Amino acid sequence: MTFALAVTVGALFALGTFLLLRDDLVKVIWGVTLISQAANVYLITLGGVTEGTSNSVPILADHHEPFPVTTDPVVQALVLTAIVISFGMTAFALVLSYRAYQENETMDVTEWDQ
């Protein structure tokens, strides 16, 4: 499972970097979005999700047994906040790209007037 997550994070970073280097503004925005999502997957991977562990809430655990192993809730809250912020920034960047298209009549950044 760890290898699959590492490959997924690597592929997301690679595809995001590839899109970031394109001339089309929408592809650049998608590249930034993919890189931010790759960072979120990376943080969740580091948060302690492992196979074979119980992820139940410690309050509901049996009082005679030790508490089960749980994931770190701080990492989950951080990633949830990052997802919301990246969604807002993506929407804002798409609106800015539409405005740039209205001004320059093209989405190719190499054809814009200096």
PDB file of N, CA and C in Angstrom:
ATOM      1  N   MET A   1       0.825  -1.197   0.000  1.00  0.00           N
ATOM      2  CA  MET A   1       0.000   0.000   0.000  1.00  0.00           C
ATOM      3  C   MET A   1       0.862   1.252   0.000  1.00  0.00           C
ATOM      4  N   THR A   2       1.967   1.227   0.731  1.00  0.00           N
ATOM      5  CA  THR A   2       2.847   2.382   0.774  1.00  0.00           C
ATOM      6  C   THR A   2       3.462   2.654  -0.590  1.00  0.00           C
ATOM      7  N   PHE A   3       3.820   1.594  -1.293  1.00  0.00           N
ATOM      8  CA  PHE A   3       4.398   1.761  -2.625  1.00  0.00           C
ATOM      9  C   PHE A   3       3.376   2.367  -3.581  1.00  0.00           C
ATOM     10  N   ALA A   4       2.132   1.931  -3.498  1.00  0.00           N
ATOM     11  CA  ALA A   4       1.083   2.475  -4.368  1.00  0.00           C
ATOM     12  C   ALA A   4       0.851   3.957  -4.088  1.00  0.00           C
ATOM     13  N   LEU A   5       0.872   4.341  -2.821  1.00  0.00           N
ATOM     14  CA  LEU A   5       0.709   5.753  -2.488  1.00  0.00           C
ATOM     15  C   LEU A   5       1.902   6.575  -2.960  1.00  0.00           C
ATOM     16  N   ALA A   6       3.107   6.022  -2.854  1.00  0.00           N
ATOM     17  CA  ALA A   6       4.289   6.738  -3.324  1.00  0.00           C
ATOM     18  C   ALA A   6       4.251   6.938  -4.838  1.00  0.00           C
ATOM     19  N   VAL A   7       3.805   5.910  -5.552  1.00  0.00           N
ATOM     20  CA  VAL A   7       3.679   6.027  -7.010  1.00  0.00           C
ATOM     21  C   VAL A   7       2.605   7.045  -7.373  1.00  0.00           C
ATOM     22  N   THR A   8       1.499   7.049  -6.643  1.00  0.00           N
ATOM     23  CA  THR A   8       0.426   8.002  -6.899  1.00  0.00           C
ATOM     24  C   THR A   8       0.887   9.434  -6.664  1.00  0.00           C
ATOM     25  N   VAL A   9       1.568   9.668  -5.560  1.00  0.00           N
ATOM     26  CA  VAL A   9       2.068  11.013  -5.262  1.00  0.00           C
ATOM     27  C   VAL A   9       3.091  11.441  -6.313  1.00  0.00           C
ATOM     28  N   GLY A  10       3.987  10.550  -6.682  1.00  0.00           N
ATOM     29  CA  GLY A  10       4.979  10.867  -7.707  1.00  0.00           C
ATOM     30  C   GLY A  10       4.348  11.168  -9.055  1.00  0.00           C
ATOM     31  N   ALA A  11       3.332  10.393  -9.430  1.00  0.00           N
ATOM     32  CA  ALA A  11       2.655  10.623 -10.710  1.00  0.00           C
ATOM     33  C   ALA A  11       1.895  11.946 -10.699  1.00  0.00           C
ATOM     34  N   LEU A  12       1.256  12.274  -9.580  1.00  0.00           N
ATOM     35  CA  LEU A  12       0.548  13.548  -9.498  1.00  0.00           C
ATOM     36  C   LEU A  12       1.502  14.733  -9.573  1.00  0.00           C
ATOM     37  N   PHE A  13       2.635  14.644  -8.870  1.00  0.00           N
ATOM     38  CA  PHE A  13       3.631  15.712  -8.945  1.00  0.00           C
ATOM     39  C   PHE A  13       4.211  15.833 -10.353  1.00  0.00           C
ATOM     40  N   ALA A  14       4.473  14.695 -11.000  1.00  0.00           N
ATOM     41  CA  ALA A  14       5.040  14.724 -12.348  1.00  0.00           C
ATOM     42  C   ALA A  14       4.049  15.311 -13.351  1.00  0.00           C
ATOM     43  N   LEU A  15       2.799  14.885 -13.291  1.00  0.00           N
ATOM     44  CA  LEU A  15       1.796  15.413 -14.214  1.00  0.00           C
ATOM     45  C   LEU A  15       1.532  16.894 -13.946  1.00  0.00           C
ATOM     46  N   GLY A  16       1.500  17.285 -12.681  1.00  0.00           N
ATOM     47  CA  GLY A  16       1.318  18.698 -12.345  1.00  0.00           C
ATOM     48  C   GLY A  16       2.462  19.558 -12.848  1.00  0.00           C
ATOM     49  N   THR A  17       3.688  19.075 -12.722  1.00  0.00           N
ATOM     50  CA  THR A  17       4.842  19.815 -13.232  1.00  0.00           C
ATOM     51  C   THR A  17       4.817  19.894 -14.752  1.00  0.00           C
ATOM     52  N   PHE A  18       4.420  18.806 -15.410  1.00  0.00           N
ATOM     53  CA  PHE A  18       4.305  18.811 -16.862  1.00  0.00           C
ATOM     54  C   PHE A  18       3.281  19.845 -17.323  1.00  0.00           C
ATOM     55  N   LEU A  19       2.126  19.894 -16.664  1.00  0.00           N
ATOM     56  CA  LEU A  19       1.102  20.856 -17.041  1.00  0.00           C
ATOM     57  C   LEU A  19       1.502  22.285 -16.703  1.00  0.00           C
ATOM     58  N   LEU A  20       2.279  22.451 -15.666  1.00  0.00           N
ATOM     59  CA  LEU A  20       2.728  23.783 -15.263  1.00  0.00           C
ATOM     60  C   LEU A  20       3.642  24.421 -16.301  1.00  0.00           C
ATOM     61  N   LEU A  21       4.317  23.618 -17.089  1.00  0.00           N
ATOM     62  CA  LEU A  21       5.264  24.123 -18.076  1.00  0.00           C
ATOM     63  C   LEU A  21       4.635  24.335 -19.455  1.00  0.00           C
ATOM     64  N   ARG A  22       3.326  24.207 -19.583  1.00  0.00           N
ATOM     65  CA  ARG A  22       2.642  24.396 -20.871  1.00  0.00           C
ATOM     66  C   ARG A  22       2.400  25.876 -21.138  1.00  0.00           C
ATOM     67  N   ASP A  23       2.031  26.190 -22.389  1.00  0.00           N
ATOM     68  CA  ASP A  23       1.747  27.569 -22.782  1.00  0.00           C
ATOM     69  C   ASP A  23       0.299  27.975 -22.515  1.00  0.00           C
ATOM     70  N   ASP A  24      -0.609  27.010 -22.451  1.00  0.00           N
ATOM     71  CA  ASP A  24      -2.016  27.301 -22.237  1.00  0.00           C
ATOM     72  C   ASP A  24      -2.260  27.609 -20.757  1.00  0.00           C
ATOM     73  N   LEU A  25      -2.946  28.717 -20.509  1.00  0.00           N
ATOM     74  CA  LEU A  25      -3.145  29.173 -19.131  1.00  0.00           C
ATOM     75  C   LEU A  25      -4.005  28.210 -18.320  1.00  0.00           C
ATOM     76  N   VAL A  26      -5.001  27.593 -18.939  1.00  0.00           N
ATOM     77  CA  VAL A  26      -5.864  26.651 -18.210  1.00  0.00           C
ATOM     78  C   VAL A  26      -5.059  25.413 -17.798  1.00  0.00           C
ATOM     79  N   LYS A  27      -4.157  24.964 -18.658  1.00  0.00           N
ATOM     80  CA  LYS A  27      -3.298  23.831 -18.300  1.00  0.00           C
ATOM     81  C   LYS A  27      -2.367  24.183 -17.144  1.00  0.00           C
ATOM     82  N   VAL A  28      -1.913  25.399 -17.097  1.00  0.00           N
ATOM     83  CA  VAL A  28      -1.070  25.840 -15.979  1.00  0.00           C
ATOM     84  C   VAL A  28      -1.869  25.816 -14.679  1.00  0.00           C
ATOM     85  N   ILE A  29      -3.112  26.267 -14.736  1.00  0.00           N
ATOM     86  CA  ILE A  29      -3.964  26.249 -13.538  1.00  0.00           C
ATOM     87  C   ILE A  29      -4.224  24.815 -13.091  1.00  0.00           C
ATOM     88  N   TRP A  30      -4.484  23.918 -14.048  1.00  0.00           N
ATOM     89  CA  TRP A  30      -4.670  22.506 -13.688  1.00  0.00           C
ATOM     90  C   TRP A  30      -3.393  21.918 -13.100  1.00  0.00           C
ATOM     91  N   GLY A  31      -2.236  22.351 -13.583  1.00  0.00           N
ATOM     92  CA  GLY A  31      -0.971  21.877 -13.018  1.00  0.00           C
ATOM     93  C   GLY A  31      -0.795  22.287 -11.571  1.00  0.00           C
ATOM     94  N   VAL A  32      -1.113  23.540 -11.274  1.00  0.00           N
ATOM     95  CA  VAL A  32      -1.031  24.013  -9.882  1.00  0.00           C
ATOM     96  C   VAL A  32      -2.007  23.250  -8.996  1.00  0.00           C
ATOM     97  N   THR A  33      -3.199  22.989  -9.519  1.00  0.00           N
ATOM     98  CA  THR A  33      -4.201  22.237  -8.752  1.00  0.00           C
ATOM     99  C   THR A  33      -3.735  20.806  -8.487  1.00  0.00           C
ATOM    100  N   LEU A  34      -3.155  20.162  -9.496  1.00  0.00           N
ATOM    101  CA  LEU A  34      -2.659  18.792  -9.296  1.00  0.00           C
ATOM    102  C   LEU A  34      -1.512  18.742  -8.288  1.00  0.00           C
ATOM    103  N   ILE A  35      -0.636  19.732  -8.326  1.00  0.00           N
ATOM    104  CA  ILE A  35       0.470  19.751  -7.363  1.00  0.00           C
ATOM    105  C   ILE A  35      -0.056  19.947  -5.942  1.00  0.00           C
ATOM    106  N   SER A  36      -1.066  20.798  -5.780  1.00  0.00           N
ATOM    107  CA  SER A  36      -1.622  20.979  -4.431  1.00  0.00           C
ATOM    108  C   SER A  36      -2.326  19.713  -3.943  1.00  0.00           C
ATOM    109  N   GLN A  37      -3.005  19.010  -4.837  1.00  0.00           N
ATOM    110  CA  GLN A  37      -3.642  17.755  -4.434  1.00  0.00           C
ATOM    111  C   GLN A  37      -2.607  16.668  -4.148  1.00  0.00           C
ATOM    112  N   ALA A  38      -1.505  16.678  -4.887  1.00  0.00           N
ATOM    113  CA  ALA A  38      -0.426  15.729  -4.601  1.00  0.00           C
ATOM    114  C   ALA A  38       0.166  15.988  -3.218  1.00  0.00           C
ATOM    115  N   ALA A  39       0.299  17.258  -2.860  1.00  0.00           N
ATOM    116  CA  ALA A  39       0.789  17.580  -1.520  1.00  0.00           C
ATOM    117  C   ALA A  39      -0.193  17.106  -0.451  1.00  0.00           C
ATOM    118  N   ASN A  40      -1.493  17.209  -0.728  1.00  0.00           N
ATOM    119  CA  ASN A  40      -2.496  16.720   0.228  1.00  0.00           C
ATOM    120  C   ASN A  40      -2.419  15.205   0.391  1.00  0.00           C
ATOM    121  N   VAL A  41      -2.271  14.483  -0.709  1.00  0.00           N
ATOM    122  CA  VAL A  41      -2.142  13.020  -0.626  1.00  0.00           C
ATOM    123  C   VAL A  41      -0.870  12.646   0.134  1.00  0.00           C
ATOM    124  N   TYR A  42       0.202  13.403  -0.086  1.00  0.00           N
ATOM    125  CA  TYR A  42       1.453  13.161   0.622  1.00  0.00           C
ATOM    126  C   TYR A  42       1.287  13.371   2.129  1.00  0.00           C
ATOM    127  N   LEU A  43       0.595  14.441   2.508  1.00  0.00           N
ATOM    128  CA  LEU A  43       0.383  14.692   3.938  1.00  0.00           C
ATOM    129  C   LEU A  43      -0.491  13.615   4.578  1.00  0.00           C
ATOM    130  N   ILE A  44      -1.520  13.178   3.880  1.00  0.00           N
ATOM    131  CA  ILE A  44      -2.368  12.096   4.410  1.00  0.00           C
ATOM    132  C   ILE A  44      -1.560  10.815   4.549  1.00  0.00           C
ATOM    133  N   THR A  45      -0.672  10.562   3.596  1.00  0.00           N
ATOM    134  CA  THR A  45       0.177   9.375   3.672  1.00  0.00           C
ATOM    135  C   THR A  45       1.075   9.431   4.899  1.00  0.00           C
ATOM    136  N   LEU A  46       1.593  10.608   5.209  1.00  0.00           N
ATOM    137  CA  LEU A  46       2.447  10.754   6.388  1.00  0.00           C
ATOM    138  C   LEU A  46       1.660  10.796   7.693  1.00  0.00           C
ATOM    139  N   GLY A  47       0.327  10.901   7.600  1.00  0.00           N
ATOM    140  CA  GLY A  47      -0.496  11.031   8.795  1.00  0.00           C
ATOM    141  C   GLY A  47      -0.651   9.774   9.615  1.00  0.00           C
ATOM    142  N   GLY A  48      -0.178   8.653   9.144  1.00  0.00           N
ATOM    143  CA  GLY A  48      -0.211   7.456   9.951  1.00  0.00           C
ATOM    144  C   GLY A  48      -1.260   6.436   9.569  1.00  0.00           C
ATOM    145  N   VAL A  49      -1.767   6.481   8.368  1.00  0.00           N
ATOM    146  CA  VAL A  49      -2.720   5.466   7.929  1.00  0.00           C
ATOM    147  C   VAL A  49      -1.923   4.232   7.532  1.00  0.00           C
ATOM    148  N   THR A  50      -2.100   3.144   8.287  1.00  0.00           N
ATOM    149  CA  THR A  50      -1.388   1.911   7.989  1.00  0.00           C
ATOM    150  C   THR A  50      -2.377   0.769   7.907  1.00  0.00           C
ATOM    151  N   GLU A  51      -1.985  -0.273   7.218  1.00  0.00           N
ATOM    152  CA  GLU A  51      -2.853  -1.436   7.079  1.00  0.00           C
ATOM    153  C   GLU A  51      -2.887  -2.230   8.383  1.00  0.00           C
ATOM    154  N   GLY A  52      -4.029  -2.784   8.679  1.00  0.00           N
ATOM    155  CA  GLY A  52      -4.147  -3.673   9.822  1.00  0.00           C
ATOM    156  C   GLY A  52      -4.373  -2.992  11.152  1.00  0.00           C
ATOM    157  N   THR A  53      -4.544  -1.677  11.174  1.00  0.00           N
ATOM    158  CA  THR A  53      -4.789  -0.982  12.438  1.00  0.00           C
ATOM    159  C   THR A  53      -6.243  -0.556  12.484  1.00  0.00           C
ATOM    160  N   SER A  54      -6.774  -0.491  13.665  1.00  0.00           N
ATOM    161  CA  SER A  54      -8.151  -0.054  13.851  1.00  0.00           C
ATOM    162  C   SER A  54      -8.184   1.462  13.909  1.00  0.00           C
ATOM    163  N   ASN A  55      -9.078   2.061  13.163  1.00  0.00           N
ATOM    164  CA  ASN A  55      -9.182   3.511  13.148  1.00  0.00           C
ATOM    165  C   ASN A  55     -10.453   3.991  13.832  1.00  0.00           C
ATOM    166  N   SER A  56     -10.893   3.281  14.856  1.00  0.00           N
ATOM    167  CA  SER A  56     -12.102   3.693  15.558  1.00  0.00           C
ATOM    168  C   SER A  56     -11.766   4.820  16.540  1.00  0.00           C
ATOM    169  N   VAL A  57     -12.803   5.473  16.983  1.00  0.00           N
ATOM    170  CA  VAL A  57     -12.641   6.590  17.904  1.00  0.00           C
ATOM    171  C   VAL A  57     -12.301   6.048  19.290  1.00  0.00           C
ATOM    172  N   PRO A  58     -11.266   6.595  19.976  1.00  0.00           N
ATOM    173  CA  PRO A  58     -10.878   6.067  21.290  1.00  0.00           C
ATOM    174  C   PRO A  58     -11.974   6.196  22.340  1.00  0.00           C
ATOM    175  N   ILE A  59     -12.887   7.147  22.216  1.00  0.00           N
ATOM    176  CA  ILE A  59     -13.942   7.316  23.215  1.00  0.00           C
ATOM    177  C   ILE A  59     -14.877   6.109  23.200  1.00  0.00           C
ATOM    178  N   LEU A  60     -15.079   5.529  22.032  1.00  0.00           N
ATOM    179  CA  LEU A  60     -15.988   4.400  21.905  1.00  0.00           C
ATOM    180  C   LEU A  60     -15.304   3.051  22.132  1.00  0.00           C
ATOM    181  N   ALA A  61     -14.027   3.053  22.457  1.00  0.00           N
ATOM    182  CA  ALA A  61     -13.306   1.803  22.665  1.00  0.00           C
ATOM    183  C   ALA A  61     -13.743   1.158  23.985  1.00  0.00           C
ATOM    184  N   ASP A  62     -13.509  -0.139  24.073  1.00  0.00           N
ATOM    185  CA  ASP A  62     -13.828  -0.887  25.282  1.00  0.00           C
ATOM    186  C   ASP A  62     -12.907  -0.409  26.402  1.00  0.00           C
ATOM    187  N   HIS A  63     -13.463  -0.239  27.604  1.00  0.00           N
ATOM    188  CA  HIS A  63     -12.680   0.302  28.719  1.00  0.00           C
ATOM    189  C   HIS A  63     -11.678  -0.695  29.278  1.00  0.00           C
ATOM    190  N   HIS A  64     -11.817  -1.959  28.959  1.00  0.00           N
ATOM    191  CA  HIS A  64     -10.906  -2.963  29.492  1.00  0.00           C
ATOM    192  C   HIS A  64      -9.706  -3.184  28.587  1.00  0.00           C
ATOM    193  N   GLU A  65      -9.795  -2.712  27.357  1.00  0.00           N
ATOM    194  CA  GLU A  65      -8.685  -2.884  26.421  1.00  0.00           C
ATOM    195  C   GLU A  65      -7.987  -1.537  26.225  1.00  0.00           C
ATOM    196  N   PRO A  66      -6.721  -1.578  25.857  1.00  0.00           N
ATOM    197  CA  PRO A  66      -6.059  -0.298  25.567  1.00  0.00           C
ATOM    198  C   PRO A  66      -6.676   0.342  24.328  1.00  0.00           C
ATOM    199  N   PHE A  67      -6.491   1.655  24.232  1.00  0.00           N
ATOM    200  CA  PHE A  67      -7.071   2.380  23.100  1.00  0.00           C
ATOM    201  C   PHE A  67      -6.485   1.889  21.786  1.00  0.00           C
ATOM    202  N   PRO A  68      -7.298   1.791  20.760  1.00  0.00           N
ATOM    203  CA  PRO A  68      -6.779   1.355  19.454  1.00  0.00           C
ATOM    204  C   PRO A  68      -5.917   2.442  18.821  1.00  0.00           C
ATOM    205  N   VAL A  69      -5.117   2.046  17.876  1.00  0.00           N
ATOM    206  CA  VAL A  69      -4.258   2.994  17.175  1.00  0.00           C
ATOM    207  C   VAL A  69      -5.131   3.832  16.247  1.00  0.00           C
ATOM    208  N   THR A  70      -4.983   5.132  16.317  1.00  0.00           N
ATOM    209  CA  THR A  70      -5.764   6.026  15.459  1.00  0.00           C
ATOM    210  C   THR A  70      -4.829   6.898  14.645  1.00  0.00           C
ATOM    211  N   THR A  71      -5.370   7.494  13.607  1.00  0.00           N
ATOM    212  CA  THR A  71      -4.582   8.424  12.809  1.00  0.00           C
ATOM    213  C   THR A  71      -4.544   9.784  13.490  1.00  0.00           C
ATOM    214  N   ASP A  72      -3.606  10.599  13.061  1.00  0.00           N
ATOM    215  CA  ASP A  72      -3.442  11.922  13.654  1.00  0.00           C
ATOM    216  C   ASP A  72      -4.525  12.861  13.119  1.00  0.00           C
ATOM    217  N   PRO A  73      -5.395  13.397  13.971  1.00  0.00           N
ATOM    218  CA  PRO A  73      -6.471  14.265  13.473  1.00  0.00           C
ATOM    219  C   PRO A  73      -5.973  15.633  13.018  1.00  0.00           C
ATOM    220  N   VAL A  74      -4.797  16.060  13.476  1.00  0.00           N
ATOM    221  CA  VAL A  74      -4.270  17.357  13.059  1.00  0.00           C
ATOM    222  C   VAL A  74      -3.947  17.350  11.568  1.00  0.00           C
ATOM    223  N   VAL A  75      -3.380  16.259  11.092  1.00  0.00           N
ATOM    224  CA  VAL A  75      -3.052  16.144   9.678  1.00  0.00           C
ATOM    225  C   VAL A  75      -4.331  16.147   8.845  1.00  0.00           C
ATOM    226  N   GLN A  76      -5.350  15.459   9.300  1.00  0.00           N
ATOM    227  CA  GLN A  76      -6.610  15.422   8.566  1.00  0.00           C
ATOM    228  C   GLN A  76      -7.264  16.796   8.516  1.00  0.00           C
ATOM    229  N   ALA A  77      -7.214  17.534   9.613  1.00  0.00           N
ATOM    230  CA  ALA A  77      -7.772  18.886   9.628  1.00  0.00           C
ATOM    231  C   ALA A  77      -6.962  19.813   8.725  1.00  0.00           C
ATOM    232  N   LEU A  78      -5.646  19.655   8.723  1.00  0.00           N
ATOM    233  CA  LEU A  78      -4.791  20.461   7.859  1.00  0.00           C
ATOM    234  C   LEU A  78      -5.095  20.205   6.390  1.00  0.00           C
ATOM    235  N   VAL A  79      -5.259  18.954   6.018  1.00  0.00           N
ATOM    236  CA  VAL A  79      -5.540  18.612   4.625  1.00  0.00           C
ATOM    237  C   VAL A  79      -6.934  19.080   4.230  1.00  0.00           C
ATOM    238  N   LEU A  80      -7.900  18.962   5.114  1.00  0.00           N
ATOM    239  CA  LEU A  80      -9.239  19.442   4.806  1.00  0.00           C
ATOM    240  C   LEU A  80      -9.229  20.948   4.566  1.00  0.00           C
ATOM    241  N   THR A  81      -8.501  21.678   5.381  1.00  0.00           N
ATOM    242  CA  THR A  81      -8.362  23.114   5.182  1.00  0.00           C
ATOM    243  C   THR A  81      -7.645  23.420   3.876  1.00  0.00           C
ATOM    244  N   ALA A  82      -6.605  22.659   3.555  1.00  0.00           N
ATOM    245  CA  ALA A  82      -5.872  22.872   2.311  1.00  0.00           C
ATOM    246  C   ALA A  82      -6.730  22.587   1.087  1.00  0.00           C
ATOM    247  N   ILE A  83      -7.610  21.601   1.175  1.00  0.00           N
ATOM    248  CA  ILE A  83      -8.508  21.301   0.054  1.00  0.00           C
ATOM    249  C   ILE A  83      -9.457  22.466  -0.193  1.00  0.00           C
ATOM    250  N   VAL A  84     -10.012  23.030   0.854  1.00  0.00           N
ATOM    251  CA  VAL A  84     -10.939  24.153   0.710  1.00  0.00           C
ATOM    252  C   VAL A  84     -10.220  25.371   0.150  1.00  0.00           C
ATOM    253  N   ILE A  85      -9.032  25.651   0.644  1.00  0.00           N
ATOM    254  CA  ILE A  85      -8.277  26.802   0.150  1.00  0.00           C
ATOM    255  C   ILE A  85      -7.868  26.604  -1.297  1.00  0.00           C
ATOM    256  N   SER A  86      -7.431  25.398  -1.666  1.00  0.00           N
ATOM    257  CA  SER A  86      -7.037  25.168  -3.056  1.00  0.00           C
ATOM    258  C   SER A  86      -8.229  25.235  -3.997  1.00  0.00           C
ATOM    259  N   PHE A  87      -9.418  24.821  -3.539  1.00  0.00           N
ATOM    260  CA  PHE A  87     -10.617  24.959  -4.362  1.00  0.00           C
ATOM    261  C   PHE A  87     -10.923  26.432  -4.618  1.00  0.00           C
ATOM    262  N   GLY A  88     -10.834  27.252  -3.588  1.00  0.00           N
ATOM    263  CA  GLY A  88     -11.071  28.688  -3.747  1.00  0.00           C
ATOM    264  C   GLY A  88     -10.044  29.346  -4.647  1.00  0.00           C
ATOM    265  N   MET A  89      -8.785  28.963  -4.492  1.00  0.00           N
ATOM    266  CA  MET A  89      -7.735  29.540  -5.340  1.00  0.00           C
ATOM    267  C   MET A  89      -7.872  29.089  -6.792  1.00  0.00           C
ATOM    268  N   THR A  90      -8.302  27.854  -7.020  1.00  0.00           N
ATOM    269  CA  THR A  90      -8.520  27.376  -8.387  1.00  0.00           C
ATOM    270  C   THR A  90      -9.664  28.133  -9.040  1.00  0.00           C
ATOM    271  N   ALA A  91     -10.745  28.334  -8.309  1.00  0.00           N
ATOM    272  CA  ALA A  91     -11.875  29.101  -8.855  1.00  0.00           C
ATOM    273  C   ALA A  91     -11.447  30.529  -9.169  1.00  0.00           C
ATOM    274  N   PHE A  92     -10.676  31.140  -8.283  1.00  0.00           N
ATOM    275  CA  PHE A  92     -10.192  32.505  -8.507  1.00  0.00           C
ATOM    276  C   PHE A  92      -9.258  32.559  -9.716  1.00  0.00           C
ATOM    277  N   ALA A  93      -8.380  31.586  -9.856  1.00  0.00           N
ATOM    278  CA  ALA A  93      -7.462  31.558 -10.993  1.00  0.00           C
ATOM    279  C   ALA A  93      -8.204  31.350 -12.303  1.00  0.00           C
ATOM    280  N   LEU A  94      -9.258  30.531 -12.298  1.00  0.00           N
ATOM    281  CA  LEU A  94     -10.047  30.342 -13.513  1.00  0.00           C
ATOM    282  C   LEU A  94     -10.786  31.619 -13.907  1.00  0.00           C
ATOM    283  N   VAL A  95     -11.280  32.364 -12.938  1.00  0.00           N
ATOM    284  CA  VAL A  95     -11.928  33.645 -13.235  1.00  0.00           C
ATOM    285  C   VAL A  95     -10.905  34.627 -13.795  1.00  0.00           C
ATOM    286  N   LEU A  96      -9.712  34.654 -13.222  1.00  0.00           N
ATOM    287  CA  LEU A  96      -8.659  35.528 -13.751  1.00  0.00           C
ATOM    288  C   LEU A  96      -8.243  35.118 -15.156  1.00  0.00           C
ATOM    289  N   SER A  97      -8.212  33.829 -15.429  1.00  0.00           N
ATOM    290  CA  SER A  97      -7.855  33.385 -16.776  1.00  0.00           C
ATOM    291  C   SER A  97      -8.932  33.763 -17.780  1.00  0.00           C
ATOM    292  N   TYR A  98     -10.191  33.739 -17.373  1.00  0.00           N
ATOM    293  CA  TYR A  98     -11.261  34.181 -18.264  1.00  0.00           C
ATOM    294  C   TYR A  98     -11.123  35.673 -18.568  1.00  0.00           C
ATOM    295  N   ARG A  99     -10.772  36.440 -17.557  1.00  0.00           N
ATOM    296  CA  ARG A  99     -10.562  37.882 -17.767  1.00  0.00           C
ATOM    297  C   ARG A  99      -9.354  38.125 -18.675  1.00  0.00           C
ATOM    298  N   ALA A 100      -8.317  37.341 -18.523  1.00  0.00           N
ATOM    299  CA  ALA A 100      -7.152  37.464 -19.400  1.00  0.00           C
ATOM    300  C   ALA A 100      -7.508  37.078 -20.830  1.00  0.00           C
ATOM    301  N   TYR A 101      -8.393  36.105 -20.985  1.00  0.00           N
ATOM    302  CA  TYR A 101      -8.858  35.723 -22.321  1.00  0.00           C
ATOM    303  C   TYR A 101      -9.662  36.856 -22.959  1.00  0.00           C
ATOM    304  N   GLN A 102     -10.487  37.538 -22.164  1.00  0.00           N
ATOM    305  CA  GLN A 102     -11.252  38.660 -22.689  1.00  0.00           C
ATOM    306  C   GLN A 102     -10.340  39.799 -23.139  1.00  0.00           C
ATOM    307  N   GLU A 103      -9.277  40.037 -22.413  1.00  0.00           N
ATOM    308  CA  GLU A 103      -8.355  41.125 -22.756  1.00  0.00           C
ATOM    309  C   GLU A 103      -7.478  40.793 -23.955  1.00  0.00           C
ATOM    310  N   ASN A 104      -6.997  39.548 -24.054  1.00  0.00           N
ATOM    311  CA  ASN A 104      -5.993  39.185 -25.053  1.00  0.00           C
ATOM    312  C   ASN A 104      -6.531  38.318 -26.189  1.00  0.00           C
ATOM    313  N   GLU A 105      -7.751  37.834 -26.084  1.00  0.00           N
ATOM    314  CA  GLU A 105      -8.406  36.972 -27.072  1.00  0.00           C
ATOM    315  C   GLU A 105      -7.662  35.673 -27.349  1.00  0.00           C
ATOM    316  N   THR A 106      -6.854  35.233 -26.443  1.00  0.00           N
ATOM    317  CA  THR A 106      -6.180  33.945 -26.558  1.00  0.00           C
ATOM    318  C   THR A 106      -5.796  33.452 -25.163  1.00  0.00           C
ATOM    319  N   MET A 107      -5.689  32.131 -25.033  1.00  0.00           N
ATOM    320  CA  MET A 107      -5.255  31.550 -23.760  1.00  0.00           C
ATOM    321  C   MET A 107      -3.771  31.190 -23.790  1.00  0.00           C
ATOM    322  N   ASP A 108      -3.132  31.365 -24.932  1.00  0.00           N
ATOM    323  CA  ASP A 108      -1.707  31.064 -25.072  1.00  0.00           C
ATOM    324  C   ASP A 108      -0.908  32.238 -24.511  1.00  0.00           C
ATOM    325  N   VAL A 109      -0.153  31.980 -23.450  1.00  0.00           N
ATOM    326  CA  VAL A 109       0.557  33.072 -22.787  1.00  0.00           C
ATOM    327  C   VAL A 109       1.727  33.589 -23.619  1.00  0.00           C
ATOM    328  N   THR A 110       2.214  32.831 -24.591  1.00  0.00           N
ATOM    329  CA  THR A 110       3.319  33.310 -25.423  1.00  0.00           C
ATOM    330  C   THR A 110       2.852  34.308 -26.464  1.00  0.00           C
ATOM    331  N   GLU A 111       1.544  34.351 -26.731  1.00  0.00           N
ATOM    332  CA  GLU A 111       1.007  35.284 -27.724  1.00  0.00           C
ATOM    333  C   GLU A 111       0.489  36.583 -27.113  1.00  0.00           C
ATOM    334  N   TRP A 112       0.567  36.736 -25.811  1.00  0.00           N
ATOM    335  CA  TRP A 112       0.070  37.957 -25.184  1.00  0.00           C
ATOM    336  C   TRP A 112       1.010  39.107 -25.469  1.00  0.00           C
ATOM    337  N   ASP A 113       0.456  40.320 -25.569  1.00  0.00           N
ATOM    338  CA  ASP A 113       1.267  41.520 -25.771  1.00  0.00           C
ATOM    339  C   ASP A 113       2.021  41.825 -24.482  1.00  0.00           C
ATOM    340  N   GLN A 114       3.192  42.312 -24.647  1.00  0.00           N
ATOM    341  CA  GLN A 114       4.008  42.618 -23.476  1.00  0.00           C
ATOM    342  C   GLN A 114       3.638  43.929 -22.863  1.00  0.00           C
TER     343      GLN A 114
END
